[in-house]
Amino acid sequence: MIIFDLKCAAQGHVFEAWFGSSEDFEAQQARGLVSCPLCGSGEVDKAPMAPNVGAKGNQAEGPPPEQVKALLGAMAEAQKKMLETSEHVGPRFADEARAIHLGEAEGRAIHGQATPAEADELRDEGIPVAPLPFPVIPPGDEN
């Protein structure tokens, strides 16, 4: 596993992401699977990273890699279970979320794609939305 500091071009958010290798990052980015977890922007690139310098002897280290990997796996499994009971609405996400909020459509869990501007508009209207922690491959795009 390798950790990259990533930065979104839309808002300048910097965040960490784990990949199996540099090639995995490049492949996921090329397929549009890498996005900012804060604003959802798909315009993400590697940010300058500080060298990995060991902690002082009197400071506690973070959790061991095995524990982090297990926690990430548990989060991915939880997301998978939630998506099983959620309807994929694709690029209609903003319109569908708004219709549900206004009572014009059946209330249900949905997921799909929204631009950062659409997500901001929904939040401004009081409609709760949040990016998923892990990329979702839309039905039919498994290849």
C-alpha atoms as a PDB file:
ATOM      1  CA  MET A   1       0.000   0.000   0.000  1.00  0.00           C
ATOM      2  CA  ILE A   2       1.126   3.540  -0.712  1.00  0.00           C
ATOM      3  CA  ILE A   3      -0.286   6.791   0.650  1.00  0.00           C
ATOM      4  CA  PHE A   4      -0.482   9.856  -1.562  1.00  0.00           C
ATOM      5  CA  ASP A   5      -1.350  13.395  -0.596  1.00  0.00           C
ATOM      6  CA  LEU A   6      -3.897  14.490  -3.195  1.00  0.00           C
ATOM      7  CA  LYS A   7      -5.267  17.946  -3.985  1.00  0.00           C
ATOM      8  CA  CYS A   8      -8.475  18.877  -5.800  1.00  0.00           C
ATOM      9  CA  ALA A   9      -8.218  21.603  -8.407  1.00  0.00           C
ATOM     10  CA  ALA A  10     -11.738  22.909  -7.728  1.00  0.00           C
ATOM     11  CA  GLN A  11     -11.390  23.947  -4.073  1.00  0.00           C
ATOM     12  CA  GLY A  12      -7.739  23.229  -3.233  1.00  0.00           C
ATOM     13  CA  HIS A  13      -8.661  20.575  -0.631  1.00  0.00           C
ATOM     14  CA  VAL A  14      -5.715  18.369   0.331  1.00  0.00           C
ATOM     15  CA  PHE A  15      -6.373  14.823   1.523  1.00  0.00           C
ATOM     16  CA  GLU A  16      -4.675  11.442   1.808  1.00  0.00           C
ATOM     17  CA  ALA A  17      -5.585   8.372  -0.222  1.00  0.00           C
ATOM     18  CA  TRP A  18      -4.280   4.804  -0.157  1.00  0.00           C
ATOM     19  CA  PHE A  19      -3.465   2.847  -3.311  1.00  0.00           C
ATOM     20  CA  GLY A  20      -1.900  -0.530  -3.982  1.00  0.00           C
ATOM     21  CA  SER A  21       0.794   1.132  -6.102  1.00  0.00           C
ATOM     22  CA  SER A  22       1.527   4.215  -8.198  1.00  0.00           C
ATOM     23  CA  GLU A  23       0.133   2.303 -11.181  1.00  0.00           C
ATOM     24  CA  ASP A  24      -3.147   1.687  -9.286  1.00  0.00           C
ATOM     25  CA  PHE A  25      -3.474   5.431  -8.650  1.00  0.00           C
ATOM     26  CA  GLU A  26      -2.835   6.241 -12.326  1.00  0.00           C
ATOM     27  CA  ALA A  27      -5.336   3.593 -13.502  1.00  0.00           C
ATOM     28  CA  GLN A  28      -8.065   4.736 -11.092  1.00  0.00           C
ATOM     29  CA  GLN A  29      -7.488   8.377 -11.992  1.00  0.00           C
ATOM     30  CA  ALA A  30      -7.681   7.568 -15.723  1.00  0.00           C
ATOM     31  CA  ARG A  31     -11.034   5.808 -15.144  1.00  0.00           C
ATOM     32  CA  GLY A  32     -12.411   8.810 -13.206  1.00  0.00           C
ATOM     33  CA  LEU A  33     -12.572   6.896  -9.908  1.00  0.00           C
ATOM     34  CA  VAL A  34     -10.521   9.369  -7.860  1.00  0.00           C
ATOM     35  CA  SER A  35     -12.454  12.304  -6.426  1.00  0.00           C
ATOM     36  CA  CYS A  36     -12.186  14.783  -3.578  1.00  0.00           C
ATOM     37  CA  PRO A  37     -14.010  13.426  -0.494  1.00  0.00           C
ATOM     38  CA  LEU A  38     -14.852  16.974   0.612  1.00  0.00           C
ATOM     39  CA  CYS A  39     -16.396  18.467  -2.528  1.00  0.00           C
ATOM     40  CA  GLY A  40     -16.646  15.553  -4.967  1.00  0.00           C
ATOM     41  CA  SER A  41     -14.451  17.137  -7.646  1.00  0.00           C
ATOM     42  CA  GLY A  42     -12.890  14.641 -10.044  1.00  0.00           C
ATOM     43  CA  GLU A  43     -10.060  17.050 -10.858  1.00  0.00           C
ATOM     44  CA  VAL A  44      -7.545  15.553  -8.442  1.00  0.00           C
ATOM     45  CA  ASP A  45      -3.761  15.377  -8.673  1.00  0.00           C
ATOM     46  CA  LYS A  46      -0.891  14.400  -6.429  1.00  0.00           C
ATOM     47  CA  ALA A  47       0.101  17.139  -3.987  1.00  0.00           C
ATOM     48  CA  PRO A  48       3.676  17.772  -2.845  1.00  0.00           C
ATOM     49  CA  MET A  49       4.453  15.413   0.006  1.00  0.00           C
ATOM     50  CA  ALA A  50       6.810  15.774   2.917  1.00  0.00           C
ATOM     51  CA  PRO A  51       9.345  12.968   3.328  1.00  0.00           C
ATOM     52  CA  ASN A  52       8.424  10.228   5.766  1.00  0.00           C
ATOM     53  CA  VAL A  53      10.532  11.104   8.810  1.00  0.00           C
ATOM     54  CA  GLY A  54      10.318   8.869  11.859  1.00  0.00           C
ATOM     55  CA  ALA A  55       8.615  10.193  14.986  1.00  0.00           C
ATOM     56  CA  LYS A  56      10.596  11.317  17.999  1.00  0.00           C
ATOM     57  CA  GLY A  57      11.260   8.578  20.479  1.00  0.00           C
ATOM     58  CA  ASN A  58       8.932  10.168  23.044  1.00  0.00           C
ATOM     59  CA  GLN A  59       5.936  10.395  20.684  1.00  0.00           C
ATOM     60  CA  ALA A  60       3.421   7.653  20.038  1.00  0.00           C
ATOM     61  CA  GLU A  61       3.107   6.382  16.499  1.00  0.00           C
ATOM     62  CA  GLY A  62      -0.205   5.945  14.710  1.00  0.00           C
ATOM     63  CA  PRO A  63      -1.966   2.621  14.399  1.00  0.00           C
ATOM     64  CA  PRO A  64      -0.034  -0.158  12.685  1.00  0.00           C
ATOM     65  CA  PRO A  65      -0.643  -0.612   8.931  1.00  0.00           C
ATOM     66  CA  GLU A  66      -2.503  -3.882   9.530  1.00  0.00           C
ATOM     67  CA  GLN A  67      -5.012  -2.092  11.760  1.00  0.00           C
ATOM     68  CA  VAL A  68      -5.467   0.750   9.256  1.00  0.00           C
ATOM     69  CA  LYS A  69      -5.995  -1.776   6.463  1.00  0.00           C
ATOM     70  CA  ALA A  70      -8.588  -3.633   8.568  1.00  0.00           C
ATOM     71  CA  LEU A  71     -10.416  -0.374   9.373  1.00  0.00           C
ATOM     72  CA  LEU A  72     -10.466   0.668   5.711  1.00  0.00           C
ATOM     73  CA  GLY A  73     -11.783  -2.782   4.805  1.00  0.00           C
ATOM     74  CA  ALA A  74     -14.539  -2.468   7.400  1.00  0.00           C
ATOM     75  CA  MET A  75     -15.488   0.975   6.034  1.00  0.00           C
ATOM     76  CA  ALA A  76     -15.586  -0.391   2.475  1.00  0.00           C
ATOM     77  CA  GLU A  77     -17.789  -3.293   3.609  1.00  0.00           C
ATOM     78  CA  ALA A  78     -20.155  -0.915   5.440  1.00  0.00           C
ATOM     79  CA  GLN A  79     -20.440   1.254   2.301  1.00  0.00           C
ATOM     80  CA  LYS A  80     -21.111  -1.858   0.197  1.00  0.00           C
ATOM     81  CA  LYS A  81     -23.958  -2.929   2.518  1.00  0.00           C
ATOM     82  CA  MET A  82     -25.491   0.570   2.467  1.00  0.00           C
ATOM     83  CA  LEU A  83     -25.345   0.687  -1.341  1.00  0.00           C
ATOM     84  CA  GLU A  84     -27.196  -2.644  -1.540  1.00  0.00           C
ATOM     85  CA  THR A  85     -30.270  -0.864  -0.128  1.00  0.00           C
ATOM     86  CA  SER A  86     -29.741   2.330  -2.122  1.00  0.00           C
ATOM     87  CA  GLU A  87     -30.908   3.079  -5.656  1.00  0.00           C
ATOM     88  CA  HIS A  88     -28.302   4.171  -8.195  1.00  0.00           C
ATOM     89  CA  VAL A  89     -29.748   7.189 -10.056  1.00  0.00           C
ATOM     90  CA  GLY A  90     -26.585   8.119 -11.955  1.00  0.00           C
ATOM     91  CA  PRO A  91     -26.307  11.705 -13.197  1.00  0.00           C
ATOM     92  CA  ARG A  92     -29.923  12.396 -12.142  1.00  0.00           C
ATOM     93  CA  PHE A  93     -28.782  12.485  -8.497  1.00  0.00           C
ATOM     94  CA  ALA A  94     -29.313  16.222  -7.869  1.00  0.00           C
ATOM     95  CA  ASP A  95     -32.769  16.271  -9.486  1.00  0.00           C
ATOM     96  CA  GLU A  96     -33.852  13.084  -7.712  1.00  0.00           C
ATOM     97  CA  ALA A  97     -32.555  14.232  -4.288  1.00  0.00           C
ATOM     98  CA  ARG A  98     -34.396  17.525  -4.705  1.00  0.00           C
ATOM     99  CA  ALA A  99     -37.635  15.755  -5.729  1.00  0.00           C
ATOM    100  CA  ILE A 100     -37.429  13.454  -2.689  1.00  0.00           C
ATOM    101  CA  HIS A 101     -36.776  16.435  -0.404  1.00  0.00           C
ATOM    102  CA  LEU A 102     -39.764  18.330  -1.793  1.00  0.00           C
ATOM    103  CA  GLY A 103     -42.042  15.287  -1.515  1.00  0.00           C
ATOM    104  CA  GLU A 104     -42.414  15.030  -5.295  1.00  0.00           C
ATOM    105  CA  ALA A 105     -40.821  11.550  -5.369  1.00  0.00           C
ATOM    106  CA  GLU A 106     -40.878   8.519  -3.108  1.00  0.00           C
ATOM    107  CA  GLY A 107     -38.559   8.856  -0.117  1.00  0.00           C
ATOM    108  CA  ARG A 108     -35.693   6.358  -0.406  1.00  0.00           C
ATOM    109  CA  ALA A 109     -31.927   6.063  -0.197  1.00  0.00           C
ATOM    110  CA  ILE A 110     -30.209   7.038  -3.455  1.00  0.00           C
ATOM    111  CA  HIS A 111     -26.686   7.448  -4.760  1.00  0.00           C
ATOM    112  CA  GLY A 112     -25.259   8.745  -8.033  1.00  0.00           C
ATOM    113  CA  GLN A 113     -23.161  11.511  -9.515  1.00  0.00           C
ATOM    114  CA  ALA A 114     -23.373  15.238  -8.886  1.00  0.00           C
ATOM    115  CA  THR A 115     -21.032  18.036  -9.810  1.00  0.00           C
ATOM    116  CA  PRO A 116     -19.486  20.023  -6.947  1.00  0.00           C
ATOM    117  CA  ALA A 117     -21.776  22.941  -7.884  1.00  0.00           C
ATOM    118  CA  GLU A 118     -24.868  20.694  -7.780  1.00  0.00           C
ATOM    119  CA  ALA A 119     -23.837  19.306  -4.372  1.00  0.00           C
ATOM    120  CA  ASP A 120     -23.329  22.858  -3.058  1.00  0.00           C
ATOM    121  CA  GLU A 121     -26.771  23.898  -4.341  1.00  0.00           C
ATOM    122  CA  LEU A 122     -28.404  20.904  -2.633  1.00  0.00           C
ATOM    123  CA  ARG A 123     -26.677  21.747   0.671  1.00  0.00           C
ATOM    124  CA  ASP A 124     -27.747  25.415   0.324  1.00  0.00           C
ATOM    125  CA  GLU A 125     -31.347  24.181  -0.059  1.00  0.00           C
ATOM    126  CA  GLY A 126     -31.029  22.156   3.164  1.00  0.00           C
ATOM    127  CA  ILE A 127     -30.805  18.807   1.402  1.00  0.00           C
ATOM    128  CA  PRO A 128     -28.235  16.569   3.134  1.00  0.00           C
ATOM    129  CA  VAL A 129     -25.686  15.102   0.708  1.00  0.00           C
ATOM    130  CA  ALA A 130     -22.182  13.755   1.201  1.00  0.00           C
ATOM    131  CA  PRO A 131     -19.565  12.092  -0.988  1.00  0.00           C
ATOM    132  CA  LEU A 132     -18.968   8.392  -0.438  1.00  0.00           C
ATOM    133  CA  PRO A 133     -15.589   7.516   1.085  1.00  0.00           C
ATOM    134  CA  PHE A 134     -14.770   5.016  -1.672  1.00  0.00           C
ATOM    135  CA  PRO A 135     -15.389   5.249  -5.431  1.00  0.00           C
ATOM    136  CA  VAL A 136     -18.480   3.471  -6.749  1.00  0.00           C
ATOM    137  CA  ILE A 137     -18.409   1.779 -10.130  1.00  0.00           C
ATOM    138  CA  PRO A 138     -21.800   2.440 -11.765  1.00  0.00           C
ATOM    139  CA  PRO A 139     -23.751  -0.638 -12.907  1.00  0.00           C
ATOM    140  CA  GLY A 140     -22.537  -1.773 -16.314  1.00  0.00           C
ATOM    141  CA  ASP A 141     -19.081  -0.120 -15.911  1.00  0.00           C
ATOM    142  CA  GLU A 142     -17.408  -3.027 -14.092  1.00  0.00           C
ATOM    143  CA  ASN A 143     -14.766  -3.499 -16.828  1.00  0.00           C
END
